[in-house]
């Protein structure tokens, strides 16, 4: 299933619904019956919103990262160090678009 663009109105609706559930003191099944939604949908949106919030929190990280330069004329692989410390070694002559897709996938961002 392809990723769809987030619908801000729908997200706001679910954020409000989740806040009502948390404040209601009801079990998920009782709250969902009252709201006319399925427990599966509530669980999905609870997880989705948590993931979106986590991505948004990570978006505030600095854009600058340490860069280690090699002497001019030196030919060798490039090492890309990801946020979690993993290293991607890239040989000379790489395809930049492919590298962007690989790094995005490893970092958990949509390509």
N, C-alpha and C. Protein backbone atom coordinates (compact mmCIF):
# COMPACT_ATOMS: atom_id res chain seq x y z
N UNK A 1 0.84 -1.17 0.00
CA UNK A 1 0.00 0.00 0.00
C UNK A 1 0.89 1.24 0.00
N UNK A 2 0.73 2.15 -0.96
CA UNK A 2 1.59 3.33 -1.02
C UNK A 2 1.28 4.28 0.14
N UNK A 3 2.31 5.02 0.56
CA UNK A 3 2.11 6.01 1.62
C UNK A 3 1.25 7.14 1.10
N UNK A 4 0.27 7.54 1.89
CA UNK A 4 -0.57 8.66 1.53
C UNK A 4 -0.09 9.89 2.28
N UNK A 5 -0.39 11.04 1.73
CA UNK A 5 -0.06 12.28 2.42
C UNK A 5 -0.95 12.41 3.64
N UNK A 6 -0.39 12.87 4.74
CA UNK A 6 -1.20 13.05 5.94
C UNK A 6 -2.29 14.10 5.71
N UNK A 7 -3.48 13.81 6.22
CA UNK A 7 -4.60 14.74 6.15
C UNK A 7 -4.64 15.49 7.48
N UNK A 8 -4.27 16.78 7.48
CA UNK A 8 -4.20 17.52 8.75
C UNK A 8 -5.53 17.56 9.50
N UNK A 9 -6.63 17.68 8.79
CA UNK A 9 -7.94 17.73 9.47
C UNK A 9 -8.23 16.40 10.15
N UNK A 10 -7.93 15.31 9.48
CA UNK A 10 -8.17 13.99 10.06
C UNK A 10 -7.27 13.75 11.27
N UNK A 11 -6.02 14.19 11.14
CA UNK A 11 -5.09 14.03 12.26
C UNK A 11 -5.59 14.84 13.47
N UNK A 12 -6.03 16.08 13.25
CA UNK A 12 -6.57 16.89 14.35
C UNK A 12 -7.75 16.20 15.01
N UNK A 13 -8.64 15.62 14.18
CA UNK A 13 -9.82 14.91 14.70
C UNK A 13 -9.38 13.76 15.61
N UNK A 14 -8.40 12.98 15.16
CA UNK A 14 -7.94 11.84 15.95
C UNK A 14 -7.17 12.28 17.18
N UNK A 15 -6.43 13.37 17.11
CA UNK A 15 -5.73 13.88 18.29
C UNK A 15 -6.76 14.26 19.36
N UNK A 16 -7.82 14.93 18.94
CA UNK A 16 -8.89 15.32 19.88
C UNK A 16 -9.57 14.08 20.46
N UNK A 17 -9.82 13.10 19.59
CA UNK A 17 -10.48 11.87 20.05
C UNK A 17 -9.61 11.13 21.05
N UNK A 18 -8.31 11.05 20.78
CA UNK A 18 -7.40 10.38 21.71
C UNK A 18 -7.34 11.12 23.05
N UNK A 19 -7.38 12.45 23.00
CA UNK A 19 -7.39 13.22 24.25
C UNK A 19 -8.67 12.96 25.03
N UNK A 20 -9.80 12.87 24.31
CA UNK A 20 -11.07 12.56 24.99
C UNK A 20 -11.01 11.18 25.64
N UNK A 21 -10.43 10.21 24.90
CA UNK A 21 -10.33 8.86 25.45
C UNK A 21 -9.48 8.86 26.72
N UNK A 22 -8.31 9.53 26.66
CA UNK A 22 -7.43 9.55 27.83
C UNK A 22 -8.11 10.20 29.02
N UNK A 23 -8.93 11.23 28.77
CA UNK A 23 -9.61 11.91 29.86
C UNK A 23 -10.90 11.25 30.31
N UNK A 24 -11.38 10.28 29.54
CA UNK A 24 -12.67 9.67 29.83
C UNK A 24 -12.63 8.66 30.96
N UNK A 25 -11.50 8.02 31.15
CA UNK A 25 -11.41 6.95 32.14
C UNK A 25 -12.06 5.65 31.67
N UNK A 26 -12.53 5.64 30.41
CA UNK A 26 -13.18 4.44 29.87
C UNK A 26 -12.15 3.48 29.28
N UNK A 27 -12.53 2.22 29.25
CA UNK A 27 -11.71 1.24 28.54
C UNK A 27 -11.88 1.52 27.04
N UNK A 28 -10.89 1.07 26.27
CA UNK A 28 -10.90 1.35 24.83
C UNK A 28 -12.20 0.89 24.19
N UNK A 29 -12.65 -0.31 24.51
CA UNK A 29 -13.86 -0.85 23.86
C UNK A 29 -15.09 0.02 24.15
N UNK A 30 -15.25 0.45 25.40
CA UNK A 30 -16.40 1.29 25.76
C UNK A 30 -16.31 2.66 25.09
N UNK A 31 -15.13 3.24 25.09
CA UNK A 31 -14.95 4.55 24.46
C UNK A 31 -15.24 4.47 22.97
N UNK A 32 -14.70 3.45 22.30
CA UNK A 32 -14.89 3.30 20.86
C UNK A 32 -16.36 3.10 20.52
N UNK A 33 -17.06 2.33 21.33
CA UNK A 33 -18.50 2.13 21.09
C UNK A 33 -19.23 3.46 21.20
N UNK A 34 -18.86 4.27 22.17
CA UNK A 34 -19.50 5.57 22.36
C UNK A 34 -19.18 6.52 21.19
N UNK A 35 -17.95 6.44 20.67
CA UNK A 35 -17.51 7.33 19.58
C UNK A 35 -17.90 6.81 18.20
N UNK A 36 -18.26 5.53 18.12
CA UNK A 36 -18.61 4.95 16.82
C UNK A 36 -17.40 4.65 15.95
N UNK A 37 -16.29 4.29 16.59
CA UNK A 37 -15.08 3.90 15.87
C UNK A 37 -14.64 2.53 16.38
N UNK A 38 -13.79 1.88 15.62
CA UNK A 38 -13.32 0.56 16.04
C UNK A 38 -12.08 0.70 16.93
N UNK A 39 -11.90 -0.25 17.85
CA UNK A 39 -10.67 -0.25 18.65
C UNK A 39 -9.41 -0.34 17.77
N UNK A 40 -9.53 -1.03 16.64
CA UNK A 40 -8.39 -1.14 15.73
C UNK A 40 -8.01 0.22 15.17
N UNK A 41 -9.00 1.03 14.80
CA UNK A 41 -8.73 2.36 14.28
C UNK A 41 -8.09 3.23 15.36
N UNK A 42 -8.58 3.15 16.57
CA UNK A 42 -8.01 3.93 17.66
C UNK A 42 -6.56 3.53 17.91
N UNK A 43 -6.30 2.24 17.90
CA UNK A 43 -4.93 1.76 18.11
C UNK A 43 -4.01 2.23 16.99
N UNK A 44 -4.53 2.17 15.76
CA UNK A 44 -3.73 2.62 14.61
C UNK A 44 -3.36 4.09 14.77
N UNK A 45 -4.34 4.94 15.06
CA UNK A 45 -4.08 6.37 15.17
C UNK A 45 -3.23 6.71 16.38
N UNK A 46 -3.38 5.97 17.43
CA UNK A 46 -2.53 6.19 18.61
C UNK A 46 -1.07 5.97 18.24
N UNK A 47 -0.81 4.88 17.52
CA UNK A 47 0.55 4.56 17.09
C UNK A 47 1.04 5.56 16.03
N UNK A 48 0.18 5.88 15.08
CA UNK A 48 0.55 6.80 13.99
C UNK A 48 0.91 8.19 14.53
N UNK A 49 0.09 8.70 15.43
CA UNK A 49 0.34 10.03 15.98
C UNK A 49 1.62 10.03 16.83
N UNK A 50 1.84 8.97 17.56
CA UNK A 50 3.10 8.87 18.34
C UNK A 50 4.30 8.88 17.39
N UNK A 51 4.20 8.17 16.27
CA UNK A 51 5.29 8.13 15.29
C UNK A 51 5.49 9.51 14.65
N UNK A 52 4.40 10.18 14.32
CA UNK A 52 4.51 11.52 13.73
C UNK A 52 5.16 12.49 14.71
N UNK A 53 4.76 12.39 15.98
CA UNK A 53 5.33 13.27 16.99
C UNK A 53 6.83 13.00 17.16
N UNK A 54 7.20 11.73 17.10
CA UNK A 54 8.62 11.36 17.23
C UNK A 54 9.42 11.91 16.05
N UNK A 55 8.85 11.79 14.84
CA UNK A 55 9.54 12.33 13.65
C UNK A 55 9.67 13.85 13.76
N UNK A 56 8.61 14.51 14.21
CA UNK A 56 8.63 15.96 14.34
C UNK A 56 9.66 16.39 15.38
N UNK A 57 9.79 15.64 16.45
CA UNK A 57 10.78 15.96 17.48
C UNK A 57 12.18 15.83 16.91
N UNK A 58 12.40 14.85 16.05
CA UNK A 58 13.70 14.66 15.41
C UNK A 58 13.99 15.70 14.36
N UNK A 59 12.94 16.35 13.85
CA UNK A 59 13.13 17.36 12.80
C UNK A 59 13.84 18.58 13.34
N UNK A 60 13.84 18.77 14.65
CA UNK A 60 14.48 19.93 15.24
C UNK A 60 15.97 19.75 15.47
N UNK A 61 16.52 18.62 15.06
CA UNK A 61 17.95 18.38 15.28
C UNK A 61 18.76 19.28 14.36
N UNK A 62 19.97 19.64 14.77
CA UNK A 62 20.78 20.55 13.95
C UNK A 62 21.04 19.98 12.57
N UNK A 63 21.12 20.87 11.62
CA UNK A 63 21.39 20.48 10.24
C UNK A 63 22.88 20.21 10.02
N UNK A 64 23.73 20.73 10.92
CA UNK A 64 25.16 20.57 10.76
C UNK A 64 25.63 19.26 11.38
N UNK A 65 26.47 18.56 10.67
CA UNK A 65 27.05 17.32 11.19
C UNK A 65 28.56 17.39 10.97
N UNK A 66 29.33 16.66 11.78
CA UNK A 66 30.78 16.69 11.58
C UNK A 66 31.17 16.14 10.21
N UNK A 67 32.12 16.79 9.58
CA UNK A 67 32.63 16.35 8.28
C UNK A 67 34.13 16.17 8.42
N UNK A 68 34.64 15.04 7.99
CA UNK A 68 36.07 14.78 8.02
C UNK A 68 36.57 14.80 6.59
N UNK A 69 37.50 15.69 6.32
CA UNK A 69 38.01 15.87 4.96
C UNK A 69 39.22 14.96 4.73
N UNK A 70 39.35 14.49 3.50
CA UNK A 70 40.53 13.73 3.11
C UNK A 70 41.41 14.63 2.25
N UNK A 71 42.67 14.32 2.16
CA UNK A 71 43.56 15.16 1.35
C UNK A 71 43.09 15.22 -0.10
N UNK A 72 43.33 16.35 -0.77
CA UNK A 72 42.94 16.46 -2.18
C UNK A 72 43.56 15.34 -3.01
N UNK A 73 42.79 14.81 -3.90
CA UNK A 73 43.26 13.75 -4.78
C UNK A 73 43.14 12.35 -4.20
N UNK A 74 42.85 12.25 -2.93
CA UNK A 74 42.69 10.92 -2.32
C UNK A 74 41.38 10.31 -2.81
N UNK A 75 41.46 9.09 -3.26
CA UNK A 75 40.26 8.39 -3.75
C UNK A 75 39.98 7.23 -2.82
N UNK A 76 38.78 7.16 -2.38
CA UNK A 76 38.40 6.07 -1.49
C UNK A 76 36.93 6.16 -1.20
N UNK A 77 36.43 5.25 -0.41
CA UNK A 77 34.99 5.28 -0.10
C UNK A 77 34.65 6.45 0.80
N UNK A 78 33.41 6.90 0.69
CA UNK A 78 32.87 7.91 1.59
C UNK A 78 32.19 7.14 2.71
N UNK A 79 32.35 7.63 3.93
CA UNK A 79 31.65 7.03 5.06
C UNK A 79 30.59 7.99 5.54
N UNK A 80 29.33 7.51 5.58
CA UNK A 80 28.22 8.30 6.10
C UNK A 80 27.86 7.70 7.44
N UNK A 81 27.98 8.50 8.51
CA UNK A 81 27.65 8.03 9.85
C UNK A 81 26.24 8.50 10.16
N UNK A 82 25.34 7.53 10.39
CA UNK A 82 23.95 7.83 10.67
C UNK A 82 23.77 8.27 12.12
N UNK A 83 22.62 8.83 12.43
CA UNK A 83 22.35 9.37 13.77
C UNK A 83 22.57 8.33 14.86
N UNK A 84 22.27 7.06 14.57
CA UNK A 84 22.41 6.03 15.61
C UNK A 84 23.80 5.41 15.64
N UNK A 85 24.73 5.97 14.85
CA UNK A 85 26.10 5.50 14.87
C UNK A 85 26.44 4.48 13.78
N UNK A 86 25.42 3.97 13.08
CA UNK A 86 25.72 3.04 11.99
C UNK A 86 26.46 3.78 10.88
N UNK A 87 27.30 3.04 10.15
CA UNK A 87 28.12 3.64 9.10
C UNK A 87 27.76 3.02 7.76
N UNK A 88 27.59 3.87 6.77
CA UNK A 88 27.36 3.42 5.39
C UNK A 88 28.60 3.82 4.60
N UNK A 89 29.28 2.84 4.00
CA UNK A 89 30.46 3.11 3.18
C UNK A 89 30.03 3.14 1.72
N UNK A 90 30.37 4.24 1.07
CA UNK A 90 29.92 4.47 -0.30
C UNK A 90 31.14 4.52 -1.21
N UNK A 91 31.19 3.66 -2.24
CA UNK A 91 32.35 3.65 -3.12
C UNK A 91 32.34 4.86 -4.07
N UNK A 92 33.50 5.18 -4.62
CA UNK A 92 33.56 6.26 -5.61
C UNK A 92 32.62 5.95 -6.78
N UNK A 93 32.05 6.98 -7.35
CA UNK A 93 31.17 6.80 -8.51
C UNK A 93 29.76 6.40 -8.14
N UNK A 94 29.32 6.65 -6.91
CA UNK A 94 27.98 6.26 -6.46
C UNK A 94 26.91 7.13 -7.12
N UNK A 95 25.68 6.63 -7.08
CA UNK A 95 24.51 7.37 -7.58
C UNK A 95 23.92 8.15 -6.40
N UNK A 96 23.98 9.49 -6.41
CA UNK A 96 23.49 10.27 -5.27
C UNK A 96 22.02 10.01 -4.93
N UNK A 97 21.17 9.81 -5.93
CA UNK A 97 19.75 9.55 -5.65
C UNK A 97 19.59 8.23 -4.91
N UNK A 98 20.37 7.24 -5.31
CA UNK A 98 20.30 5.94 -4.65
C UNK A 98 20.79 6.05 -3.20
N UNK A 99 21.85 6.81 -2.99
CA UNK A 99 22.37 7.01 -1.63
C UNK A 99 21.32 7.71 -0.76
N UNK A 100 20.65 8.74 -1.30
CA UNK A 100 19.61 9.43 -0.53
C UNK A 100 18.51 8.46 -0.13
N UNK A 101 18.09 7.60 -1.05
CA UNK A 101 17.04 6.63 -0.75
C UNK A 101 17.48 5.63 0.32
N UNK A 102 18.73 5.18 0.23
CA UNK A 102 19.25 4.22 1.22
C UNK A 102 19.31 4.87 2.61
N UNK A 103 19.85 6.08 2.68
CA UNK A 103 19.97 6.76 3.98
C UNK A 103 18.56 7.04 4.55
N UNK A 104 17.65 7.50 3.70
CA UNK A 104 16.27 7.77 4.17
C UNK A 104 15.65 6.49 4.73
N UNK A 105 15.84 5.38 4.04
CA UNK A 105 15.28 4.11 4.51
C UNK A 105 15.90 3.69 5.84
N UNK A 106 17.20 3.84 5.96
CA UNK A 106 17.87 3.46 7.21
C UNK A 106 17.50 4.37 8.36
N UNK A 107 17.24 5.63 8.08
CA UNK A 107 16.86 6.58 9.13
C UNK A 107 15.36 6.54 9.42
N UNK A 108 14.60 5.81 8.60
CA UNK A 108 13.17 5.69 8.85
C UNK A 108 12.35 6.83 8.29
N UNK A 109 12.89 7.58 7.33
CA UNK A 109 12.15 8.67 6.71
C UNK A 109 11.56 8.20 5.39
N UNK A 110 10.42 8.76 4.97
CA UNK A 110 9.89 8.39 3.64
C UNK A 110 10.84 8.84 2.55
N UNK A 111 10.97 8.03 1.53
CA UNK A 111 11.90 8.35 0.43
C UNK A 111 11.32 9.41 -0.49
